N, C-alpha and C. Protein backbone atom coordinates (compact mmCIF):
# COMPACT_ATOMS: atom_id res chain seq x y z
N MET A 1 -83.69 -44.25 110.34
CA MET A 1 -84.66 -42.91 110.54
C MET A 1 -84.42 -42.03 109.52
N VAL A 2 -83.33 -41.57 109.55
CA VAL A 2 -83.47 -40.64 108.37
C VAL A 2 -83.23 -40.67 107.17
N LYS A 3 -83.09 -41.88 106.79
CA LYS A 3 -83.02 -42.87 105.07
C LYS A 3 -84.37 -42.43 105.10
N ARG A 4 -85.13 -42.98 105.90
CA ARG A 4 -86.24 -43.29 105.23
C ARG A 4 -86.70 -41.90 105.29
N SER A 5 -87.09 -40.93 106.60
CA SER A 5 -87.46 -39.79 106.23
C SER A 5 -87.23 -39.35 104.44
N LEU A 6 -85.85 -38.96 104.64
CA LEU A 6 -85.75 -38.78 102.84
C LEU A 6 -85.84 -39.06 101.85
N LEU A 7 -86.00 -39.88 102.08
CA LEU A 7 -86.71 -40.94 101.04
C LEU A 7 -88.42 -40.98 100.86
N LEU A 8 -89.24 -40.36 101.93
CA LEU A 8 -89.99 -39.93 101.46
C LEU A 8 -90.78 -38.34 100.93
N ALA A 9 -89.34 -37.88 101.80
CA ALA A 9 -89.36 -36.78 100.94
C ALA A 9 -88.85 -36.96 100.13
N ALA A 10 -88.27 -36.76 99.28
CA ALA A 10 -87.87 -36.91 98.14
C ALA A 10 -88.95 -37.64 96.96
N LEU A 11 -89.37 -38.91 97.56
CA LEU A 11 -90.95 -39.07 96.70
C LEU A 11 -91.74 -38.39 96.87
N GLY A 12 -92.00 -37.99 97.90
CA GLY A 12 -93.16 -36.44 97.56
C GLY A 12 -93.26 -35.97 96.74
N GLY A 13 -91.86 -35.15 96.64
CA GLY A 13 -91.16 -34.08 95.69
C GLY A 13 -91.59 -34.51 94.64
N LEU A 14 -91.00 -35.74 94.02
CA LEU A 14 -90.96 -35.90 92.78
C LEU A 14 -92.73 -36.35 92.38
N ILE A 15 -93.39 -36.31 93.24
CA ILE A 15 -94.92 -36.85 93.28
C ILE A 15 -95.63 -35.36 92.73
N LEU A 16 -94.99 -34.49 93.84
CA LEU A 16 -95.51 -33.34 93.11
C LEU A 16 -95.29 -32.66 91.85
N GLY A 17 -94.11 -32.97 91.65
CA GLY A 17 -93.40 -32.47 90.56
C GLY A 17 -94.02 -32.99 89.09
N CYS A 18 -94.76 -34.21 89.33
CA CYS A 18 -95.31 -34.88 88.09
C CYS A 18 -96.66 -34.45 88.15
N VAL A 19 -97.36 -34.15 89.45
CA VAL A 19 -98.78 -33.35 89.22
C VAL A 19 -98.84 -31.72 88.28
N LEU A 20 -97.67 -31.23 88.95
CA LEU A 20 -98.10 -29.64 88.41
C LEU A 20 -97.36 -30.05 86.97
N VAL A 21 -96.73 -30.74 86.64
CA VAL A 21 -96.54 -31.48 84.99
C VAL A 21 -97.69 -31.64 84.09
N VAL A 22 -98.57 -32.44 84.56
CA VAL A 22 -99.12 -33.26 83.75
C VAL A 22 -100.54 -32.04 83.17
N PRO A 23 -100.56 -31.71 81.88
CA PRO A 23 -101.20 -30.85 81.71
C PRO A 23 -103.02 -31.26 81.43
N THR A 24 -103.66 -30.11 81.35
CA THR A 24 -105.11 -30.29 81.50
C THR A 24 -105.64 -29.89 80.08
N HIS A 25 -106.69 -29.89 79.70
CA HIS A 25 -107.34 -29.37 78.50
C HIS A 25 -106.90 -27.62 78.55
N GLY A 26 -107.57 -27.15 79.63
CA GLY A 26 -107.37 -25.59 79.55
C GLY A 26 -106.28 -25.41 79.22
N GLU A 27 -105.17 -25.63 79.30
CA GLU A 27 -103.70 -25.39 79.05
C GLU A 27 -103.19 -25.24 77.57
N VAL A 28 -104.27 -25.89 76.63
CA VAL A 28 -103.41 -25.63 75.19
C VAL A 28 -104.24 -24.54 74.78
N ASP A 29 -102.94 -23.95 74.10
CA ASP A 29 -103.26 -22.64 73.37
C ASP A 29 -103.71 -22.38 71.99
N THR A 30 -105.06 -22.00 72.06
CA THR A 30 -105.87 -21.73 71.42
C THR A 30 -105.29 -21.14 69.93
N LEU A 31 -104.13 -20.61 69.96
CA LEU A 31 -103.55 -19.97 68.88
C LEU A 31 -102.92 -21.14 68.12
N ASN A 32 -102.54 -21.96 68.65
CA ASN A 32 -102.13 -23.08 67.72
C ASN A 32 -103.54 -24.25 67.44
N THR A 33 -104.41 -23.92 67.18
CA THR A 33 -105.72 -24.50 66.72
C THR A 33 -106.28 -24.26 65.42
N ASN A 34 -106.38 -25.29 64.78
CA ASN A 34 -107.64 -25.35 63.09
C ASN A 34 -108.18 -26.34 63.59
N TYR A 35 -109.59 -25.62 63.11
CA TYR A 35 -110.40 -26.60 62.17
C TYR A 35 -110.41 -26.90 61.47
N LEU A 36 -110.53 -28.39 61.15
CA LEU A 36 -110.79 -28.77 59.50
C LEU A 36 -111.54 -29.94 59.69
N THR A 37 -112.33 -29.84 58.30
CA THR A 37 -113.25 -30.82 58.12
C THR A 37 -112.67 -31.50 57.03
N PHE A 38 -112.94 -32.70 57.24
CA PHE A 38 -112.64 -33.73 55.95
C PHE A 38 -113.71 -34.71 55.20
N SER A 39 -114.26 -34.63 54.14
CA SER A 39 -115.53 -35.14 53.00
C SER A 39 -115.53 -36.68 53.43
N GLY A 40 -114.34 -37.26 53.68
CA GLY A 40 -114.09 -38.89 53.84
C GLY A 40 -113.10 -39.20 54.56
N PRO A 41 -112.73 -40.59 55.04
CA PRO A 41 -111.72 -40.83 56.06
C PRO A 41 -110.48 -40.96 55.81
N VAL A 42 -109.40 -40.14 56.51
CA VAL A 42 -108.44 -39.94 56.61
C VAL A 42 -107.56 -40.71 57.88
N ALA A 43 -106.01 -40.80 58.01
CA ALA A 43 -105.83 -41.71 58.80
C ALA A 43 -104.52 -40.94 59.29
N LEU A 44 -104.13 -40.99 60.42
CA LEU A 44 -103.14 -40.22 61.53
C LEU A 44 -102.53 -41.61 61.73
N PRO A 45 -101.25 -41.65 62.75
CA PRO A 45 -100.56 -42.60 62.72
C PRO A 45 -101.49 -43.89 64.39
N GLY A 46 -101.73 -44.78 63.86
CA GLY A 46 -102.79 -45.54 64.78
C GLY A 46 -103.83 -45.23 64.88
N VAL A 47 -104.76 -44.32 64.05
CA VAL A 47 -105.92 -44.43 64.16
C VAL A 47 -106.70 -43.65 62.40
N THR A 48 -107.63 -43.86 62.31
CA THR A 48 -108.40 -43.17 61.42
C THR A 48 -109.43 -42.41 62.09
N LEU A 49 -109.57 -41.71 61.15
CA LEU A 49 -110.54 -40.40 61.40
C LEU A 49 -111.73 -40.93 60.44
N SER A 50 -113.37 -41.05 60.88
CA SER A 50 -114.18 -40.58 59.67
C SER A 50 -114.38 -39.49 59.57
N ALA A 51 -114.87 -39.15 58.06
CA ALA A 51 -115.36 -37.75 57.26
C ALA A 51 -116.26 -37.16 58.73
N GLY A 52 -115.63 -35.55 58.96
CA GLY A 52 -116.13 -34.57 60.01
C GLY A 52 -115.31 -34.04 60.05
N THR A 53 -115.37 -32.77 61.41
CA THR A 53 -115.07 -32.12 61.47
C THR A 53 -113.82 -32.14 62.82
N TYR A 54 -112.82 -31.94 62.82
CA TYR A 54 -111.92 -32.11 63.71
C TYR A 54 -110.42 -31.09 64.01
N VAL A 55 -110.49 -30.98 65.70
CA VAL A 55 -109.68 -29.85 66.05
C VAL A 55 -108.85 -30.46 66.45
N PHE A 56 -106.90 -29.97 65.58
CA PHE A 56 -105.53 -29.81 65.67
C PHE A 56 -105.02 -28.75 66.35
N GLU A 57 -104.50 -29.36 67.16
CA GLU A 57 -104.38 -28.60 68.20
C GLU A 57 -102.61 -28.94 68.67
N ARG A 58 -101.66 -27.86 68.74
CA ARG A 58 -99.93 -27.76 69.04
C ARG A 58 -100.53 -27.91 70.91
N ALA A 59 -100.01 -29.14 71.43
CA ALA A 59 -100.38 -28.78 72.58
C ALA A 59 -98.51 -28.01 73.67
N VAL A 60 -98.72 -26.88 73.38
CA VAL A 60 -97.33 -26.01 73.87
C VAL A 60 -97.18 -26.28 75.24
N ALA A 61 -98.08 -26.34 75.91
CA ALA A 61 -98.13 -27.21 77.92
C ALA A 61 -97.50 -28.16 77.64
N ILE A 62 -97.31 -29.14 77.12
CA ILE A 62 -96.88 -30.23 76.67
C ILE A 62 -95.36 -30.37 76.53
N HIS A 63 -95.42 -29.94 74.87
CA HIS A 63 -94.63 -29.79 74.05
C HIS A 63 -94.47 -29.08 72.88
N PRO A 64 -93.95 -28.48 72.14
CA PRO A 64 -94.26 -28.05 70.99
C PRO A 64 -94.71 -28.72 69.58
N ASP A 65 -93.26 -29.77 69.83
CA ASP A 65 -93.88 -30.83 68.74
C ASP A 65 -95.28 -31.98 69.08
N VAL A 66 -95.72 -31.89 70.04
CA VAL A 66 -97.02 -32.71 70.41
C VAL A 66 -97.82 -31.70 70.20
N VAL A 67 -98.98 -32.78 69.28
CA VAL A 67 -100.38 -32.53 68.01
C VAL A 67 -101.42 -33.51 69.05
N VAL A 68 -102.32 -32.64 69.21
CA VAL A 68 -103.65 -33.75 69.72
C VAL A 68 -104.44 -32.98 68.80
N VAL A 69 -105.47 -33.94 68.11
CA VAL A 69 -106.30 -34.02 67.36
C VAL A 69 -108.05 -34.61 68.32
N ARG A 70 -108.80 -33.71 67.77
CA ARG A 70 -109.98 -33.71 69.01
C ARG A 70 -111.15 -33.85 68.08
N ASN A 71 -112.11 -34.17 68.40
CA ASN A 71 -113.26 -34.07 68.10
C ASN A 71 -114.31 -32.26 68.02
N ALA A 72 -115.09 -31.92 67.08
CA ALA A 72 -115.38 -30.77 66.83
C ALA A 72 -115.55 -30.04 68.35
N GLU A 73 -116.21 -30.81 69.01
CA GLU A 73 -116.70 -30.48 70.33
C GLU A 73 -115.48 -30.47 71.93
N GLY A 74 -114.27 -30.65 70.90
CA GLY A 74 -113.41 -30.91 71.97
C GLY A 74 -113.01 -31.68 73.03
N SER A 75 -114.13 -32.66 73.16
CA SER A 75 -114.67 -33.64 74.38
C SER A 75 -114.01 -34.89 74.30
N LYS A 76 -113.13 -35.12 73.03
CA LYS A 76 -113.07 -37.03 72.67
C LYS A 76 -111.58 -36.90 71.87
N VAL A 77 -110.38 -36.95 72.23
CA VAL A 77 -109.29 -36.96 71.92
C VAL A 77 -109.07 -38.31 70.93
N PHE A 78 -108.56 -37.90 69.90
CA PHE A 78 -108.42 -39.23 68.78
C PHE A 78 -107.21 -39.79 68.61
N TYR A 79 -106.07 -38.39 68.63
CA TYR A 79 -104.41 -38.57 68.30
C TYR A 79 -104.13 -37.64 69.30
N ARG A 80 -102.90 -37.95 70.26
CA ARG A 80 -101.78 -37.39 70.65
C ARG A 80 -100.76 -38.29 70.90
N GLY A 81 -99.79 -37.47 70.10
CA GLY A 81 -98.27 -37.78 69.55
C GLY A 81 -97.60 -36.54 69.30
N SER A 82 -96.63 -37.51 69.63
CA SER A 82 -95.09 -36.32 69.12
C SER A 82 -95.03 -36.33 67.41
N THR A 83 -94.13 -35.42 67.04
CA THR A 83 -94.24 -35.08 65.65
C THR A 83 -92.72 -34.71 65.36
N MET A 84 -92.65 -34.20 64.38
CA MET A 84 -91.07 -34.04 63.78
C MET A 84 -91.63 -32.40 63.01
N ARG A 85 -90.85 -31.28 63.29
CA ARG A 85 -91.03 -30.07 62.51
C ARG A 85 -90.75 -30.55 61.34
N ALA A 86 -91.28 -29.87 60.81
CA ALA A 86 -91.58 -29.94 59.17
C ALA A 86 -91.82 -28.33 58.59
N SER A 87 -90.80 -27.72 57.52
CA SER A 87 -90.87 -26.61 56.81
C SER A 87 -91.98 -26.78 55.44
N ARG A 88 -92.94 -25.74 55.51
CA ARG A 88 -93.59 -25.28 54.39
C ARG A 88 -92.77 -25.41 52.91
N PRO A 89 -93.49 -26.81 52.06
CA PRO A 89 -92.61 -26.38 50.86
C PRO A 89 -93.06 -25.00 50.51
N ASN A 90 -91.45 -24.19 49.77
CA ASN A 90 -91.67 -23.43 49.23
C ASN A 90 -93.18 -23.19 47.61
N SER A 91 -93.26 -24.68 47.43
CA SER A 91 -94.39 -24.90 45.94
C SER A 91 -96.05 -24.49 47.05
N THR A 92 -96.16 -24.55 48.04
CA THR A 92 -97.10 -24.46 48.70
C THR A 92 -97.71 -23.16 48.65
N ARG A 93 -98.99 -22.82 48.56
CA ARG A 93 -99.40 -22.15 49.15
C ARG A 93 -99.81 -21.96 50.59
N ARG A 94 -99.43 -20.69 51.15
CA ARG A 94 -99.60 -20.38 52.38
C ARG A 94 -100.60 -20.73 53.31
N ASP A 95 -102.01 -21.15 52.45
CA ASP A 95 -102.91 -21.51 53.45
C ASP A 95 -103.38 -22.99 53.15
N LEU A 96 -102.47 -23.98 52.69
CA LEU A 96 -102.44 -25.09 52.97
C LEU A 96 -102.30 -25.50 54.27
N VAL A 97 -103.22 -26.27 54.89
CA VAL A 97 -102.89 -26.60 56.05
C VAL A 97 -102.68 -28.47 56.33
N ILE A 98 -103.16 -29.40 55.73
CA ILE A 98 -102.88 -30.52 55.76
C ILE A 98 -101.86 -30.89 54.39
N GLU A 99 -100.79 -32.30 54.69
CA GLU A 99 -100.80 -32.60 53.38
C GLU A 99 -100.81 -34.32 53.00
N PHE A 100 -101.40 -34.50 52.36
CA PHE A 100 -101.72 -36.10 52.55
C PHE A 100 -100.18 -36.93 51.66
N GLY A 101 -100.05 -38.56 52.21
CA GLY A 101 -99.19 -39.08 51.31
C GLY A 101 -99.78 -40.11 50.53
N GLU A 102 -99.81 -40.74 49.83
CA GLU A 102 -100.06 -41.36 48.93
C GLU A 102 -100.72 -43.12 49.91
N ALA A 103 -101.83 -43.46 49.30
CA ALA A 103 -102.91 -44.94 49.64
C ALA A 103 -103.22 -45.75 48.73
N ALA A 104 -103.45 -47.05 49.14
CA ALA A 104 -103.79 -47.99 48.17
C ALA A 104 -105.31 -47.19 47.58
N ARG A 105 -105.91 -48.01 46.87
CA ARG A 105 -107.40 -47.20 46.62
C ARG A 105 -108.05 -47.99 47.88
N GLY A 106 -109.48 -47.56 47.84
CA GLY A 106 -109.73 -47.60 49.33
C GLY A 106 -109.34 -47.75 50.78
N VAL A 107 -107.95 -47.36 50.71
CA VAL A 107 -107.45 -47.20 52.54
C VAL A 107 -107.53 -45.71 52.39
N PRO A 108 -108.10 -45.28 53.87
CA PRO A 108 -108.05 -43.86 53.88
C PRO A 108 -106.46 -43.32 53.68
N PRO A 109 -106.52 -42.17 52.84
CA PRO A 109 -104.99 -41.45 53.49
C PRO A 109 -104.45 -40.58 54.44
N PRO A 110 -103.17 -41.09 54.37
CA PRO A 110 -102.03 -41.04 55.38
C PRO A 110 -101.76 -39.15 55.90
N ILE A 111 -102.69 -38.29 56.81
CA ILE A 111 -102.32 -37.42 57.01
C ILE A 111 -100.84 -37.07 57.22
N THR A 112 -99.52 -36.93 56.22
CA THR A 112 -98.33 -36.68 56.66
C THR A 112 -97.80 -35.28 57.08
N ALA A 113 -98.48 -34.09 57.13
CA ALA A 113 -97.90 -33.31 57.55
C ALA A 113 -99.35 -32.39 57.99
N TRP A 114 -99.16 -31.45 58.79
CA TRP A 114 -100.15 -30.25 59.46
C TRP A 114 -99.37 -29.04 59.56
N PHE A 115 -99.74 -28.24 58.48
CA PHE A 115 -99.63 -26.84 58.83
C PHE A 115 -100.27 -26.01 59.22
N PRO A 116 -99.85 -25.20 60.97
CA PRO A 116 -101.17 -24.80 61.57
C PRO A 116 -101.16 -23.29 60.11
N LEU A 117 -102.30 -22.67 60.30
CA LEU A 117 -102.87 -21.86 59.02
C LEU A 117 -101.74 -20.37 59.86
N GLY A 118 -101.29 -20.05 57.84
CA GLY A 118 -100.38 -18.98 58.18
C GLY A 118 -98.69 -19.15 58.66
N GLU A 119 -98.64 -20.48 59.13
CA GLU A 119 -96.74 -20.83 59.71
C GLU A 119 -96.33 -21.32 59.05
N PRO A 120 -95.03 -20.91 58.48
CA PRO A 120 -94.30 -21.48 57.93
C PRO A 120 -93.84 -22.84 58.24
N THR A 121 -93.75 -23.03 59.65
CA THR A 121 -93.63 -24.60 59.63
C THR A 121 -94.52 -25.49 59.78
N GLY A 122 -94.72 -26.41 60.25
CA GLY A 122 -95.52 -27.48 60.69
C GLY A 122 -95.03 -28.53 61.34
N HIS A 123 -95.85 -30.12 61.73
CA HIS A 123 -95.61 -31.62 62.00
C HIS A 123 -95.87 -31.88 61.06
N ALA A 124 -94.99 -32.97 61.15
CA ALA A 124 -94.91 -34.21 60.22
C ALA A 124 -95.01 -35.43 61.08
N PHE A 125 -96.23 -35.88 60.56
CA PHE A 125 -96.98 -37.30 61.61
C PHE A 125 -95.61 -38.36 61.53
N VAL A 126 -95.43 -39.25 62.12
CA VAL A 126 -94.22 -40.26 62.42
C VAL A 126 -94.90 -41.73 62.05
N TYR A 127 -94.98 -42.06 61.48
CA TYR A 127 -95.37 -43.30 60.84
C TYR A 127 -94.97 -44.49 61.03
């Protein structure tokens, strides 16, 4: 009986811990947000974004290397994934926000890195 009570208490603690760790949209740090508009389709790992405006956010409440990309209204998530830290190349302007990779003709160019405006480091997407 004691083992069952301990098991139930441990399970309850685990469930409570998971509930407290799961972030909500309101926990995203807006200081790590950029609204970016693309004139044509672009790619992120596993998804193609059509032309339009998107919100790129660093989800600090989850982990500083997790990036979330939403529609301009913030109501739909198109991408959420871990990234690798990337240093802004010295040869680029401080207002460079997106770095693109090469793509074949007719294929949306992949976004290889996002550098939050004005920050020396950014996020390299893992393909």
